[in-house]
Amino acid sequence: MSKLTLSVDERVVSRAKRYAKRRGVSVSAMVEAYLASVAEAPDKSPQDSPPILRSLRGILKKADLDAYKKHLAAKYR
């Protein structure tokens, strides 16, 4: 196993230690699990997605964000 040195804000480290203790794991195990999850190659291709997700993929590429913001502003007045 390799050793890794990180620079992390003290408050973040403190919260991470409390979180790990409540869950009965080490901070090292949490960091390792996170790094393993982001370093994995996606094992599913878009064709493996459910049909409903495939039908929605790319639908918002040309969305008008300003119109959506106006809609939300009017909706939540």
Protein backbone atom coordinates (compact mmCIF):
# COMPACT_ATOMS: atom_id res chain seq x y z
CA MET A 1 0.00 0.00 0.00
CA SER A 2 1.23 3.50 -0.83
CA LYS A 3 1.22 6.47 1.47
CA LEU A 4 -0.27 9.76 0.30
CA THR A 5 0.15 13.19 1.89
CA LEU A 6 -2.68 15.66 1.43
CA SER A 7 -3.13 19.28 2.48
CA VAL A 8 -6.65 19.72 3.83
CA ASP A 9 -8.26 22.47 5.87
CA GLU A 10 -8.24 21.61 9.59
CA ARG A 11 -12.00 22.05 9.88
CA VAL A 12 -12.59 19.64 7.02
CA VAL A 13 -10.28 17.08 8.62
CA SER A 14 -12.07 17.44 11.95
CA ARG A 15 -15.50 16.95 10.38
CA ALA A 16 -14.23 14.00 8.32
CA LYS A 17 -12.85 12.32 11.45
CA ARG A 18 -16.17 12.73 13.28
CA TYR A 19 -18.06 11.40 10.26
CA ALA A 20 -15.73 8.41 9.95
CA LYS A 21 -15.97 7.63 13.67
CA ARG A 22 -19.79 7.63 13.57
CA ARG A 23 -19.66 5.16 10.69
CA GLY A 24 -16.92 2.98 12.12
CA VAL A 25 -14.44 3.55 9.29
CA SER A 26 -11.15 5.38 8.96
CA VAL A 27 -10.64 8.60 7.06
CA SER A 28 -8.07 6.73 4.97
CA ALA A 29 -10.70 4.14 4.00
CA MET A 30 -13.13 6.91 3.03
CA VAL A 31 -10.51 8.67 0.89
CA GLU A 32 -9.49 5.39 -0.72
CA ALA A 33 -13.12 4.53 -1.54
CA TYR A 34 -13.66 7.99 -3.03
CA LEU A 35 -10.50 7.87 -5.14
CA ALA A 36 -11.36 4.36 -6.34
CA SER A 37 -14.84 5.49 -7.38
CA VAL A 38 -13.65 8.52 -9.37
CA ALA A 39 -10.72 6.67 -10.93
CA GLU A 40 -12.82 3.79 -12.26
CA ALA A 41 -13.64 3.76 -15.93
CA PRO A 42 -17.38 3.88 -16.48
CA ASP A 43 -18.47 0.30 -17.00
CA LYS A 44 -21.71 1.16 -18.74
CA SER A 45 -22.11 2.56 -22.19
CA PRO A 46 -25.05 4.82 -23.04
CA GLN A 47 -26.66 1.83 -24.75
CA ASP A 48 -26.80 0.04 -21.38
CA SER A 49 -29.02 2.77 -19.94
CA PRO A 50 -32.76 2.22 -19.55
CA PRO A 51 -34.77 3.32 -22.61
CA ILE A 52 -36.26 6.32 -20.78
CA LEU A 53 -32.79 7.70 -20.03
CA ARG A 54 -31.59 7.09 -23.58
CA SER A 55 -34.59 9.03 -24.88
CA LEU A 56 -33.72 12.01 -22.64
CA ARG A 57 -29.97 12.09 -23.32
CA GLY A 58 -28.93 15.37 -24.95
CA ILE A 59 -32.39 16.89 -24.83
CA LEU A 60 -31.25 20.05 -23.01
CA LYS A 61 -28.25 20.92 -25.14
CA LYS A 62 -30.09 23.82 -26.75
CA ALA A 63 -32.16 24.80 -23.70
CA ASP A 64 -32.78 28.49 -23.09
CA LEU A 65 -31.51 28.94 -19.54
CA ASP A 66 -32.70 32.54 -19.30
CA ALA A 67 -36.25 31.48 -20.12
CA TYR A 68 -36.06 28.77 -17.48
CA LYS A 69 -34.80 31.24 -14.86
CA LYS A 70 -37.69 33.60 -15.71
CA HIS A 71 -40.13 30.70 -15.41
CA LEU A 72 -38.78 29.79 -11.96
CA ALA A 73 -38.85 33.42 -10.81
CA ALA A 74 -42.49 33.73 -11.84
CA LYS A 75 -43.41 30.36 -10.36
CA TYR A 76 -41.92 31.05 -6.92
CA ARG A 77 -43.01 34.67 -6.40
